[in-house]
C-alpha atoms as a PDB file:
ATOM      1  CA  MET A   1      -9.904 -12.135  14.446  1.00  0.00           C
ATOM      2  CA  LYS A   2     -12.608  -9.836  12.441  1.00  0.00           C
ATOM      3  CA  ILE A   3     -10.713  -7.535  10.277  1.00  0.00           C
ATOM      4  CA  LEU A   4     -11.766  -4.660   8.259  1.00  0.00           C
ATOM      5  CA  ILE A   5      -9.646  -4.203   5.112  1.00  0.00           C
ATOM      6  CA  THR A   6      -9.844  -0.862   3.187  1.00  0.00           C
ATOM      7  CA  GLY A   7      -9.029  -1.010  -0.367  1.00  0.00           C
ATOM      8  CA  THR A   8      -9.898  -4.279  -1.672  1.00  0.00           C
ATOM      9  CA  ALA A   9     -10.688  -4.098  -4.637  1.00  0.00           C
ATOM     10  CA  GLY A  10      -6.698  -2.493  -5.077  1.00  0.00           C
ATOM     11  CA  PHE A  11      -3.615  -3.910  -5.629  1.00  0.00           C
ATOM     12  CA  ILE A  12      -2.223  -5.062  -2.108  1.00  0.00           C
ATOM     13  CA  GLY A  13      -5.471  -4.928  -0.461  1.00  0.00           C
ATOM     14  CA  TYR A  14      -6.752  -7.967  -2.922  1.00  0.00           C
ATOM     15  CA  HIS A  15      -3.814  -9.611  -1.646  1.00  0.00           C
ATOM     16  CA  LEU A  16      -3.609  -9.156   1.633  1.00  0.00           C
ATOM     17  CA  ALA A  17      -7.658 -10.086   1.970  1.00  0.00           C
ATOM     18  CA  ASN A  18      -7.109 -13.371   0.333  1.00  0.00           C
ATOM     19  CA  TYR A  19      -4.570 -14.434   2.582  1.00  0.00           C
ATOM     20  CA  LEU A  20      -6.647 -13.612   5.589  1.00  0.00           C
ATOM     21  CA  ILE A  21      -9.216 -15.186   4.483  1.00  0.00           C
ATOM     22  CA  GLY A  22      -7.224 -18.739   3.584  1.00  0.00           C
ATOM     23  CA  ARG A  23      -5.979 -18.096   7.298  1.00  0.00           C
ATOM     24  CA  GLY A  24      -9.125 -18.621   8.747  1.00  0.00           C
ATOM     25  CA  ASP A  25      -9.933 -14.646  10.130  1.00  0.00           C
ATOM     26  CA  THR A  26     -13.497 -13.452   9.011  1.00  0.00           C
ATOM     27  CA  VAL A  27     -12.771 -10.232   6.559  1.00  0.00           C
ATOM     28  CA  VAL A  28     -14.797  -7.111   5.707  1.00  0.00           C
ATOM     29  CA  GLY A  29     -13.724  -5.486   2.526  1.00  0.00           C
ATOM     30  CA  VAL A  30     -13.912  -1.686   2.075  1.00  0.00           C
ATOM     31  CA  ASP A  31     -13.790   0.082  -1.374  1.00  0.00           C
ATOM     32  CA  SER A  32     -15.236   3.223  -3.290  1.00  0.00           C
ATOM     33  CA  ILE A  33     -13.853   1.045  -6.690  1.00  0.00           C
ATOM     34  CA  ASN A  34     -13.075   4.978  -7.917  1.00  0.00           C
ATOM     35  CA  ASN A  35     -12.264   5.185 -11.530  1.00  0.00           C
ATOM     36  CA  TYR A  36      -8.325   6.088 -10.813  1.00  0.00           C
ATOM     37  CA  TYR A  37      -7.800   3.678 -13.295  1.00  0.00           C
ATOM     38  CA  ASP A  38      -9.478   0.733 -15.101  1.00  0.00           C
ATOM     39  CA  VAL A  39     -12.065  -0.532 -12.784  1.00  0.00           C
ATOM     40  CA  ASN A  40     -12.976  -3.655 -14.897  1.00  0.00           C
ATOM     41  CA  LEU A  41      -9.859  -5.081 -12.703  1.00  0.00           C
ATOM     42  CA  LYS A  42     -10.841  -3.687  -9.777  1.00  0.00           C
ATOM     43  CA  TYR A  43     -14.109  -5.297 -10.207  1.00  0.00           C
ATOM     44  CA  ASP A  44     -11.964  -8.719 -11.722  1.00  0.00           C
ATOM     45  CA  ARG A  45      -9.992  -8.603  -8.034  1.00  0.00           C
ATOM     46  CA  LEU A  46     -13.271  -8.943  -6.197  1.00  0.00           C
ATOM     47  CA  LYS A  47     -14.718 -11.500  -8.567  1.00  0.00           C
ATOM     48  CA  THR A  48     -11.947 -14.053  -7.656  1.00  0.00           C
ATOM     49  CA  ALA A  49     -12.556 -13.673  -4.379  1.00  0.00           C
ATOM     50  CA  GLY A  50     -16.371 -14.377  -4.802  1.00  0.00           C
ATOM     51  CA  ILE A  51     -17.602 -10.897  -5.118  1.00  0.00           C
ATOM     52  CA  ALA A  52     -20.019 -10.376  -8.403  1.00  0.00           C
ATOM     53  CA  ARG A  53     -19.951  -7.368 -10.083  1.00  0.00           C
ATOM     54  CA  GLU A  54     -23.836  -7.042 -10.576  1.00  0.00           C
ATOM     55  CA  ALA A  55     -24.417  -7.498  -6.711  1.00  0.00           C
ATOM     56  CA  ILE A  56     -22.158  -4.749  -5.210  1.00  0.00           C
ATOM     57  CA  GLY A  57     -23.982  -1.642  -4.628  1.00  0.00           C
ATOM     58  CA  TYR A  58     -22.930   1.704  -2.492  1.00  0.00           C
ATOM     59  CA  ASN A  59     -23.023   0.515   0.932  1.00  0.00           C
ATOM     60  CA  LYS A  60     -24.680  -3.056   0.713  1.00  0.00           C
ATOM     61  CA  LEU A  61     -22.642  -5.495   2.354  1.00  0.00           C
ATOM     62  CA  VAL A  62     -22.168  -8.361  -0.018  1.00  0.00           C
ATOM     63  CA  LYS A  63     -21.108 -11.689   0.998  1.00  0.00           C
ATOM     64  CA  SER A  64     -18.556 -13.912  -0.779  1.00  0.00           C
ATOM     65  CA  SER A  65     -20.544 -16.797  -2.963  1.00  0.00           C
ATOM     66  CA  LEU A  66     -16.235 -18.532  -2.539  1.00  0.00           C
ATOM     67  CA  HIS A  67     -15.798 -17.618   1.333  1.00  0.00           C
ATOM     68  CA  SER A  68     -17.762 -17.894   4.305  1.00  0.00           C
ATOM     69  CA  ASN A  69     -15.726 -15.967   5.900  1.00  0.00           C
ATOM     70  CA  TYR A  70     -15.548 -12.795   3.450  1.00  0.00           C
ATOM     71  CA  SER A  71     -17.508  -9.929   2.648  1.00  0.00           C
ATOM     72  CA  PHE A  72     -17.351  -6.570   0.857  1.00  0.00           C
ATOM     73  CA  ILE A  73     -19.204  -3.100   0.971  1.00  0.00           C
ATOM     74  CA  GLN A  74     -18.661  -0.382  -1.657  1.00  0.00           C
ATOM     75  CA  LEU A  75     -17.960   2.888   0.586  1.00  0.00           C
ATOM     76  CA  GLN A  76     -16.075   5.810   1.004  1.00  0.00           C
ATOM     77  CA  LEU A  77     -14.262   6.682   3.698  1.00  0.00           C
ATOM     78  CA  GLU A  78     -15.427  10.420   3.604  1.00  0.00           C
ATOM     79  CA  ASP A  79     -18.896   9.147   3.944  1.00  0.00           C
ATOM     80  CA  LYS A  80     -18.377   9.058   8.181  1.00  0.00           C
ATOM     81  CA  GLN A  81     -22.506   8.327   8.748  1.00  0.00           C
ATOM     82  CA  HIS A  82     -21.932   4.703   6.785  1.00  0.00           C
ATOM     83  CA  LEU A  83     -18.504   3.967   7.938  1.00  0.00           C
ATOM     84  CA  GLU A  84     -19.285   4.536  11.511  1.00  0.00           C
ATOM     85  CA  GLN A  85     -22.369   2.317  11.184  1.00  0.00           C
ATOM     86  CA  LEU A  86     -20.281  -0.281   9.770  1.00  0.00           C
ATOM     87  CA  PHE A  87     -18.061   0.043  12.989  1.00  0.00           C
ATOM     88  CA  ALA A  88     -21.212  -0.199  15.103  1.00  0.00           C
ATOM     89  CA  GLU A  89     -22.764  -3.501  13.551  1.00  0.00           C
ATOM     90  CA  GLN A  90     -19.964  -5.651  12.362  1.00  0.00           C
ATOM     91  CA  GLN A  91     -17.559  -4.986  15.908  1.00  0.00           C
ATOM     92  CA  PHE A  92     -13.938  -5.480  14.338  1.00  0.00           C
ATOM     93  CA  ASP A  93     -10.894  -6.446  15.932  1.00  0.00           C
ATOM     94  CA  LYS A  94      -8.784  -5.175  13.889  1.00  0.00           C
ATOM     95  CA  VAL A  95      -8.396  -2.455  11.056  1.00  0.00           C
ATOM     96  CA  CYS A  96      -5.658  -2.233   7.948  1.00  0.00           C
ATOM     97  CA  ASN A  97      -6.312   0.735   6.404  1.00  0.00           C
ATOM     98  CA  LEU A  98      -4.948   0.169   2.848  1.00  0.00           C
ATOM     99  CA  ALA A  99      -7.698   2.669   0.946  1.00  0.00           C
ATOM    100  CA  ALA A 100      -6.144   5.959  -0.541  1.00  0.00           C
ATOM    101  CA  GLN A 101      -6.049   7.700  -3.910  1.00  0.00           C
ATOM    102  CA  ALA A 102      -2.349   6.504  -4.765  1.00  0.00           C
ATOM    103  CA  GLY A 103       0.422   8.116  -7.316  1.00  0.00           C
ATOM    104  CA  VAL A 104       3.063  10.788  -7.009  1.00  0.00           C
ATOM    105  CA  ARG A 105       2.269  12.380 -10.355  1.00  0.00           C
ATOM    106  CA  TYR A 106      -1.784  12.495 -10.256  1.00  0.00           C
ATOM    107  CA  SER A 107      -0.863  14.617  -7.021  1.00  0.00           C
ATOM    108  CA  LEU A 108       0.385  16.970  -9.035  1.00  0.00           C
ATOM    109  CA  THR A 109      -3.049  17.789 -11.317  1.00  0.00           C
ATOM    110  CA  ASN A 110      -5.646  16.450  -8.312  1.00  0.00           C
ATOM    111  CA  PRO A 111      -4.814  18.177  -4.894  1.00  0.00           C
ATOM    112  CA  ASP A 112      -8.329  17.635  -4.065  1.00  0.00           C
ATOM    113  CA  VAL A 113      -8.604  13.853  -4.588  1.00  0.00           C
ATOM    114  CA  TYR A 114      -5.623  13.770  -1.876  1.00  0.00           C
ATOM    115  CA  ILE A 115      -7.173  15.750   0.491  1.00  0.00           C
ATOM    116  CA  ASN A 116     -10.903  14.224   0.728  1.00  0.00           C
ATOM    117  CA  SER A 117      -9.261  10.821   0.720  1.00  0.00           C
ATOM    118  CA  ASN A 118      -6.027  10.343   2.633  1.00  0.00           C
ATOM    119  CA  ILE A 119      -6.773  13.008   4.857  1.00  0.00           C
ATOM    120  CA  VAL A 120     -10.141  12.925   5.625  1.00  0.00           C
ATOM    121  CA  GLY A 121     -11.190   9.412   5.186  1.00  0.00           C
ATOM    122  CA  PHE A 122      -8.718   8.911   7.624  1.00  0.00           C
ATOM    123  CA  LEU A 123      -9.510  10.763   9.892  1.00  0.00           C
ATOM    124  CA  HIS A 124     -12.822   9.255   9.805  1.00  0.00           C
ATOM    125  CA  ILE A 125     -10.951   5.388  10.377  1.00  0.00           C
ATOM    126  CA  LEU A 126      -9.128   7.104  13.548  1.00  0.00           C
ATOM    127  CA  GLU A 127     -12.808   7.907  14.659  1.00  0.00           C
ATOM    128  CA  CYS A 128     -14.093   4.961  14.161  1.00  0.00           C
ATOM    129  CA  CYS A 129     -11.393   2.930  15.644  1.00  0.00           C
ATOM    130  CA  ARG A 130     -11.107   5.435  19.055  1.00  0.00           C
ATOM    131  CA  HIS A 131     -14.899   4.839  19.599  1.00  0.00           C
ATOM    132  CA  HIS A 132     -15.234   1.049  18.724  1.00  0.00           C
ATOM    133  CA  GLY A 133     -12.472  -0.449  20.876  1.00  0.00           C
ATOM    134  CA  ILE A 134     -10.054  -1.481  17.653  1.00  0.00           C
ATOM    135  CA  GLN A 135      -7.261  -3.649  19.207  1.00  0.00           C
ATOM    136  CA  HIS A 136      -4.859  -2.374  16.248  1.00  0.00           C
ATOM    137  CA  LEU A 137      -5.376  -0.177  13.441  1.00  0.00           C
ATOM    138  CA  ALA A 138      -2.366  -0.845  10.615  1.00  0.00           C
ATOM    139  CA  TYR A 139      -2.037   1.590   8.195  1.00  0.00           C
ATOM    140  CA  ALA A 140      -0.316   2.041   4.184  1.00  0.00           C
ATOM    141  CA  SER A 141       1.777   5.404   4.386  1.00  0.00           C
ATOM    142  CA  SER A 142       4.683   4.983   1.524  1.00  0.00           C
ATOM    143  CA  SER A 143       8.033   5.638   0.802  1.00  0.00           C
ATOM    144  CA  SER A 144       7.580   8.580  -0.515  1.00  0.00           C
ATOM    145  CA  VAL A 145       7.426  10.165   2.511  1.00  0.00           C
ATOM    146  CA  TYR A 146      11.004  10.289   2.549  1.00  0.00           C
ATOM    147  CA  GLY A 147      11.084  12.858   0.103  1.00  0.00           C
ATOM    148  CA  LEU A 148      14.332  15.147  -0.524  1.00  0.00           C
ATOM    149  CA  ASN A 149      16.424  12.817   2.237  1.00  0.00           C
ATOM    150  CA  GLY A 150      19.406  12.099   0.903  1.00  0.00           C
ATOM    151  CA  LYS A 151      20.379   9.433   3.336  1.00  0.00           C
ATOM    152  CA  SER A 152      20.365   5.730   2.076  1.00  0.00           C
ATOM    153  CA  PRO A 153      19.354   3.207   2.971  1.00  0.00           C
ATOM    154  CA  PHE A 154      15.892   5.036   4.568  1.00  0.00           C
ATOM    155  CA  SER A 155      15.289   4.567   8.012  1.00  0.00           C
ATOM    156  CA  THR A 156      12.380   4.877   9.844  1.00  0.00           C
ATOM    157  CA  SER A 157      14.239   6.568  12.567  1.00  0.00           C
ATOM    158  CA  ASP A 158      15.134   9.601   9.817  1.00  0.00           C
ATOM    159  CA  ASN A 159      13.709  13.150   9.739  1.00  0.00           C
ATOM    160  CA  VAL A 160      11.009  13.302   6.883  1.00  0.00           C
ATOM    161  CA  ASP A 161       9.736  16.272   6.503  1.00  0.00           C
ATOM    162  CA  HIS A 162      10.383  17.570   3.259  1.00  0.00           C
ATOM    163  CA  PRO A 163       8.012  15.946   0.926  1.00  0.00           C
ATOM    164  CA  ILE A 164       7.769  16.414  -2.585  1.00  0.00           C
ATOM    165  CA  SER A 165       4.682  15.562  -3.923  1.00  0.00           C
ATOM    166  CA  LEU A 166       1.089  16.049  -2.106  1.00  0.00           C
ATOM    167  CA  TYR A 167       0.750  12.465  -2.238  1.00  0.00           C
ATOM    168  CA  ALA A 168       4.133  12.090   0.243  1.00  0.00           C
ATOM    169  CA  ALA A 169       2.345  14.823   2.454  1.00  0.00           C
ATOM    170  CA  SER A 170      -0.913  13.167   2.901  1.00  0.00           C
ATOM    171  CA  LYS A 171       1.040  10.109   3.955  1.00  0.00           C
ATOM    172  CA  LYS A 172       3.458  12.299   6.411  1.00  0.00           C
ATOM    173  CA  SER A 173       0.259  13.473   7.913  1.00  0.00           C
ATOM    174  CA  ASN A 174      -1.593  10.056   8.653  1.00  0.00           C
ATOM    175  CA  GLU A 175       1.518   9.021  10.191  1.00  0.00           C
ATOM    176  CA  LEU A 176       1.350  11.894  12.391  1.00  0.00           C
ATOM    177  CA  MET A 177      -2.595  11.568  12.911  1.00  0.00           C
ATOM    178  CA  ALA A 178      -2.232   8.204  14.429  1.00  0.00           C
ATOM    179  CA  HIS A 179       0.619   9.183  16.825  1.00  0.00           C
ATOM    180  CA  THR A 180      -2.053  11.451  18.265  1.00  0.00           C
ATOM    181  CA  TYR A 181      -4.800   9.103  18.376  1.00  0.00           C
ATOM    182  CA  SER A 182      -2.550   6.632  19.890  1.00  0.00           C
ATOM    183  CA  HIS A 183      -1.092   9.175  22.442  1.00  0.00           C
ATOM    184  CA  LEU A 184      -4.626  10.800  23.121  1.00  0.00           C
ATOM    185  CA  PHE A 185      -6.522   7.676  22.966  1.00  0.00           C
ATOM    186  CA  LYS A 186      -4.599   4.922  23.510  1.00  0.00           C
ATOM    187  CA  VAL A 187      -5.439   3.475  19.916  1.00  0.00           C
ATOM    188  CA  PRO A 188      -2.771   1.596  18.641  1.00  0.00           C
ATOM    189  CA  THR A 189      -1.388   2.740  15.355  1.00  0.00           C
ATOM    190  CA  THR A 190       1.340   1.272  13.003  1.00  0.00           C
ATOM    191  CA  GLY A 191       2.299   2.772   9.707  1.00  0.00           C
ATOM    192  CA  LEU A 192       3.607   0.504   6.880  1.00  0.00           C
ATOM    193  CA  ARG A 193       6.038   2.563   5.003  1.00  0.00           C
ATOM    194  CA  PHE A 194       5.808   0.400   1.148  1.00  0.00           C
ATOM    195  CA  PHE A 195       8.800   0.508  -1.263  1.00  0.00           C
ATOM    196  CA  THR A 196       7.663   0.072  -5.368  1.00  0.00           C
ATOM    197  CA  VAL A 197       5.586  -2.663  -4.722  1.00  0.00           C
ATOM    198  CA  TYR A 198       5.169  -4.810  -7.602  1.00  0.00           C
ATOM    199  CA  GLY A 199       3.373  -8.619  -8.625  1.00  0.00           C
ATOM    200  CA  PRO A 200       0.196  -9.819 -10.363  1.00  0.00           C
ATOM    201  CA  TRP A 201      -2.930  -8.204 -10.468  1.00  0.00           C
ATOM    202  CA  GLY A 202      -1.003  -5.265  -9.839  1.00  0.00           C
ATOM    203  CA  ARG A 203      -1.806  -1.536 -10.646  1.00  0.00           C
ATOM    204  CA  PRO A 204      -1.542  -0.079 -14.343  1.00  0.00           C
ATOM    205  CA  ASP A 205       0.125   3.116 -13.168  1.00  0.00           C
ATOM    206  CA  MET A 206       2.975   1.311 -11.938  1.00  0.00           C
ATOM    207  CA  ALA A 207       6.284   1.238 -14.079  1.00  0.00           C
ATOM    208  CA  LEU A 208       6.453  -3.052 -14.399  1.00  0.00           C
ATOM    209  CA  PHE A 209       2.514  -2.803 -15.926  1.00  0.00           C
ATOM    210  CA  ILE A 210       3.237   0.395 -18.017  1.00  0.00           C
ATOM    211  CA  PHE A 211       6.446  -1.168 -19.121  1.00  0.00           C
ATOM    212  CA  THR A 212       4.882  -4.466 -20.580  1.00  0.00           C
ATOM    213  CA  LYS A 213       2.384  -3.185 -22.191  1.00  0.00           C
ATOM    214  CA  ALA A 214       4.631  -1.005 -24.396  1.00  0.00           C
ATOM    215  CA  ILE A 215       6.893  -3.293 -25.124  1.00  0.00           C
ATOM    216  CA  LEU A 216       4.274  -6.053 -25.871  1.00  0.00           C
ATOM    217  CA  GLU A 217       2.442  -3.420 -28.219  1.00  0.00           C
ATOM    218  CA  GLY A 218       6.130  -2.334 -29.514  1.00  0.00           C
ATOM    219  CA  LYS A 219       5.177   1.334 -28.225  1.00  0.00           C
ATOM    220  CA  PRO A 220       8.239   3.197 -26.606  1.00  0.00           C
ATOM    221  CA  ILE A 221       8.732   2.931 -22.838  1.00  0.00           C
ATOM    222  CA  GLN A 222       8.997   6.818 -21.254  1.00  0.00           C
ATOM    223  CA  VAL A 223      12.166   6.157 -18.984  1.00  0.00           C
ATOM    224  CA  PHE A 224      12.922   9.115 -16.704  1.00  0.00           C
ATOM    225  CA  ASN A 225      15.863  10.604 -15.539  1.00  0.00           C
ATOM    226  CA  ASN A 226      17.633   9.296 -18.046  1.00  0.00           C
ATOM    227  CA  GLY A 227      17.761   5.827 -16.582  1.00  0.00           C
ATOM    228  CA  ASN A 228      19.313   6.799 -13.367  1.00  0.00           C
ATOM    229  CA  MET A 229      16.402   5.698 -10.941  1.00  0.00           C
ATOM    230  CA  VAL A 230      17.421   3.113  -8.561  1.00  0.00           C
ATOM    231  CA  ARG A 231      14.335   1.430  -6.870  1.00  0.00           C
ATOM    232  CA  ASP A 232      13.462  -0.840  -4.168  1.00  0.00           C
ATOM    233  CA  PHE A 233      10.809  -3.059  -5.841  1.00  0.00           C
ATOM    234  CA  THR A 234       9.061  -5.094  -3.416  1.00  0.00           C
ATOM    235  CA  TYR A 235       6.934  -7.992  -4.288  1.00  0.00           C
ATOM    236  CA  VAL A 236       3.314  -8.366  -3.149  1.00  0.00           C
ATOM    237  CA  ALA A 237       3.946 -11.395  -1.572  1.00  0.00           C
ATOM    238  CA  ASP A 238       6.778 -10.489   0.538  1.00  0.00           C
ATOM    239  CA  ILE A 239       4.366  -6.754   1.552  1.00  0.00           C
ATOM    240  CA  VAL A 240       1.385  -9.127   2.304  1.00  0.00           C
ATOM    241  CA  GLU A 241       3.588 -11.131   4.625  1.00  0.00           C
ATOM    242  CA  GLY A 242       5.198  -8.019   6.192  1.00  0.00           C
ATOM    243  CA  VAL A 243       1.199  -6.511   7.267  1.00  0.00           C
ATOM    244  CA  VAL A 244       0.042  -9.821   8.528  1.00  0.00           C
ATOM    245  CA  ARG A 245       3.121 -10.177  11.176  1.00  0.00           C
ATOM    246  CA  VAL A 246       2.202  -6.274  11.851  1.00  0.00           C
ATOM    247  CA  ILE A 247      -1.070  -6.800  12.377  1.00  0.00           C
ATOM    248  CA  ASP A 248      -0.495  -9.883  14.592  1.00  0.00           C
ATOM    249  CA  ASN A 249       1.912  -7.714  16.606  1.00  0.00           C
ATOM    250  CA  PRO A 250       0.237  -4.396  17.940  1.00  0.00           C
ATOM    251  CA  PRO A 251       2.675  -1.725  19.501  1.00  0.00           C
ATOM    252  CA  THR A 252       2.472  -1.121  22.580  1.00  0.00           C
ATOM    253  CA  GLY A 253       4.920   1.172  23.629  1.00  0.00           C
ATOM    254  CA  ASN A 254       8.124   2.041  23.823  1.00  0.00           C
ATOM    255  CA  ALA A 255       9.272   2.434  27.163  1.00  0.00           C
ATOM    256  CA  ALA A 256      12.729   3.411  26.626  1.00  0.00           C
ATOM    257  CA  TRP A 257      11.383   6.111  24.092  1.00  0.00           C
ATOM    258  CA  ASP A 258      13.256   9.869  25.037  1.00  0.00           C
ATOM    259  CA  ALA A 259      11.713  12.958  24.033  1.00  0.00           C
ATOM    260  CA  THR A 260      14.987  14.690  24.386  1.00  0.00           C
ATOM    261  CA  HIS A 261      16.092  12.536  21.484  1.00  0.00           C
ATOM    262  CA  PRO A 262      12.795  11.738  20.035  1.00  0.00           C
ATOM    263  CA  ASP A 263      12.912   8.357  17.576  1.00  0.00           C
ATOM    264  CA  PRO A 264       9.951   9.279  15.417  1.00  0.00           C
ATOM    265  CA  SER A 265       9.309   5.661  14.679  1.00  0.00           C
ATOM    266  CA  THR A 266       8.275   4.830  17.675  1.00  0.00           C
ATOM    267  CA  SER A 267       6.886   6.251  20.872  1.00  0.00           C
ATOM    268  CA  ALA A 268       5.989   5.960  24.505  1.00  0.00           C
ATOM    269  CA  ALA A 269       2.571   5.670  22.982  1.00  0.00           C
ATOM    270  CA  PRO A 270       1.709   2.596  21.300  1.00  0.00           C
ATOM    271  CA  TYR A 271       2.794   3.503  18.014  1.00  0.00           C
ATOM    272  CA  LYS A 272       5.613   2.254  15.882  1.00  0.00           C
ATOM    273  CA  VAL A 273       6.570   2.648  11.536  1.00  0.00           C
ATOM    274  CA  TYR A 274       7.654   0.082   9.912  1.00  0.00           C
ATOM    275  CA  ASN A 275       9.775  -0.458   6.127  1.00  0.00           C
ATOM    276  CA  ILE A 276       8.167  -2.843   4.244  1.00  0.00           C
ATOM    277  CA  GLY A 277      10.775  -3.123   1.626  1.00  0.00           C
ATOM    278  CA  ASN A 278      13.162  -5.744  -0.119  1.00  0.00           C
ATOM    279  CA  SER A 279      16.564  -3.906   0.577  1.00  0.00           C
ATOM    280  CA  SER A 280      18.280  -4.540  -2.460  1.00  0.00           C
ATOM    281  CA  PRO A 281      18.081  -1.676  -4.546  1.00  0.00           C
ATOM    282  CA  VAL A 282      17.725  -2.093  -8.328  1.00  0.00           C
ATOM    283  CA  LYS A 283      19.011   0.125 -11.411  1.00  0.00           C
ATOM    284  CA  LEU A 284      15.360   0.590 -13.168  1.00  0.00           C
ATOM    285  CA  MET A 285      17.732  -0.215 -16.692  1.00  0.00           C
ATOM    286  CA  ASP A 286      18.246  -3.670 -15.342  1.00  0.00           C
ATOM    287  CA  PHE A 287      14.664  -3.622 -14.699  1.00  0.00           C
ATOM    288  CA  VAL A 288      13.868  -2.965 -18.164  1.00  0.00           C
ATOM    289  CA  ASP A 289      16.180  -5.763 -19.144  1.00  0.00           C
ATOM    290  CA  ALA A 290      14.447  -8.328 -16.921  1.00  0.00           C
ATOM    291  CA  ILE A 291      11.233  -7.364 -18.554  1.00  0.00           C
ATOM    292  CA  GLU A 292      13.146  -8.004 -21.588  1.00  0.00           C
ATOM    293  CA  GLN A 293      14.794 -11.077 -20.703  1.00  0.00           C
ATOM    294  CA  GLU A 294      11.127 -12.341 -19.712  1.00  0.00           C
ATOM    295  CA  LEU A 295       9.158 -11.389 -22.522  1.00  0.00           C
ATOM    296  CA  GLY A 296      11.976 -11.946 -25.318  1.00  0.00           C
ATOM    297  CA  LYS A 297      11.378  -8.617 -26.478  1.00  0.00           C
ATOM    298  CA  LYS A 298      13.624  -5.166 -26.375  1.00  0.00           C
ATOM    299  CA  ALA A 299      12.025  -2.177 -25.555  1.00  0.00           C
ATOM    300  CA  VAL A 300      12.230   1.148 -27.747  1.00  0.00           C
ATOM    301  CA  LYS A 301      13.463   3.416 -25.019  1.00  0.00           C
ATOM    302  CA  GLU A 302      12.437   7.366 -24.728  1.00  0.00           C
ATOM    303  CA  PHE A 303      14.747   8.581 -22.054  1.00  0.00           C
ATOM    304  CA  LEU A 304      13.394  11.650 -20.674  1.00  0.00           C
ATOM    305  CA  PRO A 305      14.478  13.956 -17.574  1.00  0.00           C
ATOM    306  CA  MET A 306      13.458  13.688 -14.042  1.00  0.00           C
ATOM    307  CA  GLN A 307       9.871  14.183 -13.482  1.00  0.00           C
ATOM    308  CA  PRO A 308       8.284  16.612 -10.750  1.00  0.00           C
ATOM    309  CA  GLY A 309       7.533  14.900  -7.407  1.00  0.00           C
ATOM    310  CA  ASP A 310      10.017  11.973  -8.340  1.00  0.00           C
ATOM    311  CA  VAL A 311      13.129  10.628  -6.270  1.00  0.00           C
ATOM    312  CA  ALA A 312      16.401   9.918  -8.204  1.00  0.00           C
ATOM    313  CA  ALA A 313      16.945   6.773  -5.495  1.00  0.00           C
ATOM    314  CA  THR A 314      14.759   4.118  -2.508  1.00  0.00           C
ATOM    315  CA  CYS A 315      16.351   1.590  -0.268  1.00  0.00           C
ATOM    316  CA  ALA A 316      14.804   0.657   2.895  1.00  0.00           C
ATOM    317  CA  ASP A 317      16.134   0.450   6.303  1.00  0.00           C
ATOM    318  CA  VAL A 318      14.158  -2.801   7.213  1.00  0.00           C
ATOM    319  CA  GLN A 319      16.226  -3.746  10.532  1.00  0.00           C
ATOM    320  CA  ASP A 320      13.412  -2.887  12.393  1.00  0.00           C
ATOM    321  CA  LEU A 321      11.370  -5.177  10.771  1.00  0.00           C
ATOM    322  CA  ILE A 322      13.622  -8.097  11.143  1.00  0.00           C
ATOM    323  CA  ALA A 323      14.734  -7.280  14.568  1.00  0.00           C
ATOM    324  CA  ASN A 324      10.853  -7.143  15.959  1.00  0.00           C
ATOM    325  CA  LEU A 325       8.751  -9.287  13.821  1.00  0.00           C
ATOM    326  CA  HIS A 326      11.704 -11.745  12.481  1.00  0.00           C
ATOM    327  CA  TYR A 327      10.619 -11.027   8.740  1.00  0.00           C
ATOM    328  CA  LYS A 328      12.495 -10.073   5.963  1.00  0.00           C
ATOM    329  CA  PRO A 329      11.318  -9.481   2.493  1.00  0.00           C
ATOM    330  CA  ASP A 330      13.620 -11.482  -0.067  1.00  0.00           C
ATOM    331  CA  THR A 331      11.739 -12.487  -3.342  1.00  0.00           C
ATOM    332  CA  LYS A 332      14.318 -11.547  -6.205  1.00  0.00           C
ATOM    333  CA  VAL A 333      13.171  -8.998  -9.123  1.00  0.00           C
ATOM    334  CA  LYS A 334      13.580 -11.518 -11.836  1.00  0.00           C
ATOM    335  CA  GLU A 335      11.046 -13.998 -10.128  1.00  0.00           C
ATOM    336  CA  GLY A 336       8.752 -11.138  -9.397  1.00  0.00           C
ATOM    337  CA  ILE A 337       8.543  -9.869 -13.238  1.00  0.00           C
ATOM    338  CA  SER A 338       8.292 -13.657 -14.110  1.00  0.00           C
ATOM    339  CA  HIS A 339       5.219 -14.111 -11.760  1.00  0.00           C
ATOM    340  CA  PHE A 340       3.453 -10.858 -12.689  1.00  0.00           C
ATOM    341  CA  LEU A 341       4.259 -11.593 -16.640  1.00  0.00           C
ATOM    342  CA  LYS A 342       2.725 -15.073 -16.679  1.00  0.00           C
ATOM    343  CA  TRP A 343      -0.496 -13.184 -14.443  1.00  0.00           C
ATOM    344  CA  TYR A 344      -0.382 -10.545 -17.215  1.00  0.00           C
ATOM    345  CA  ARG A 345      -0.311 -12.592 -20.176  1.00  0.00           C
ATOM    346  CA  GLY A 346      -3.010 -15.234 -19.111  1.00  0.00           C
ATOM    347  CA  TYR A 347      -5.154 -11.870 -17.949  1.00  0.00           C
ATOM    348  CA  TYR A 348      -4.965 -10.157 -20.927  1.00  0.00           C
ATOM    349  CA  GLY A 349      -4.395 -13.113 -23.702  1.00  0.00           C
ATOM    350  CA  VAL A 350      -1.147 -11.655 -25.122  1.00  0.00           C
END
């Protein structure tokens, strides 16, 4: 297959591109390489896949020096003209849209970025998929859409109409927009609600990265909600395996869908939403303890109240993933942290 992956300088996109390149698909990666976090990390991810920093230029397709089936182009999804040109020239079979402005707290102070990237940019992806015969659009949603939902575990059949951050609202909007295109134009779409992804080459704004850096530097870590947080930490390789299975299995529409009792995770249209999570929530303090054990160093902890936009606990119900795609993420947190720390020490030389 020829697959477009947006966000390939990002954490999940980088790992997904490597997986698909390795199995023989032709992959074109897109990323804006914005400065939300250290761009050097983004360029270094690309470098390991044979995309040299000095070769990159805006709207310039660069061939990988390591993989004959991989190319990369720096492009903003808001740039509709050049995005349409890319679709027309490359004739993709499938698209996986992982490009987005991430981060819950950042959305509290920089709302415009989320509308431009996550709403306008996603609309342009949908339009290109509609007009270029794309066989399947898989796209990143988020566990953040569950918002004030107090039911556990979170099920894709649950109502998610009470987001508590603009980031979450933008991801919920993506799901609604995708359904519209699946219904009106028969574009097969699948939303992927990721649960607290971690692992090598991870994002510097995520807890594992922040905690590791602070502990090694002897600085205090900020522990929100006074440590009473629970997260469904999911290892990146498990996320990628789930995404690949989704890409390979486009929805065809649910003939049993009942409009009088509508299940929001499916539709008569070729539309589906999945949770991809470990389904084994971990207390934040146990997570910190596991990092301390692996590093052989105790953290200095600063306990703080809950932050705006945050939720106390997350847990994924992945029954649909198991039933339809025969897959369940299962990497243990201790193992995943060990892999991350090995990468972190090697990358930063600490």
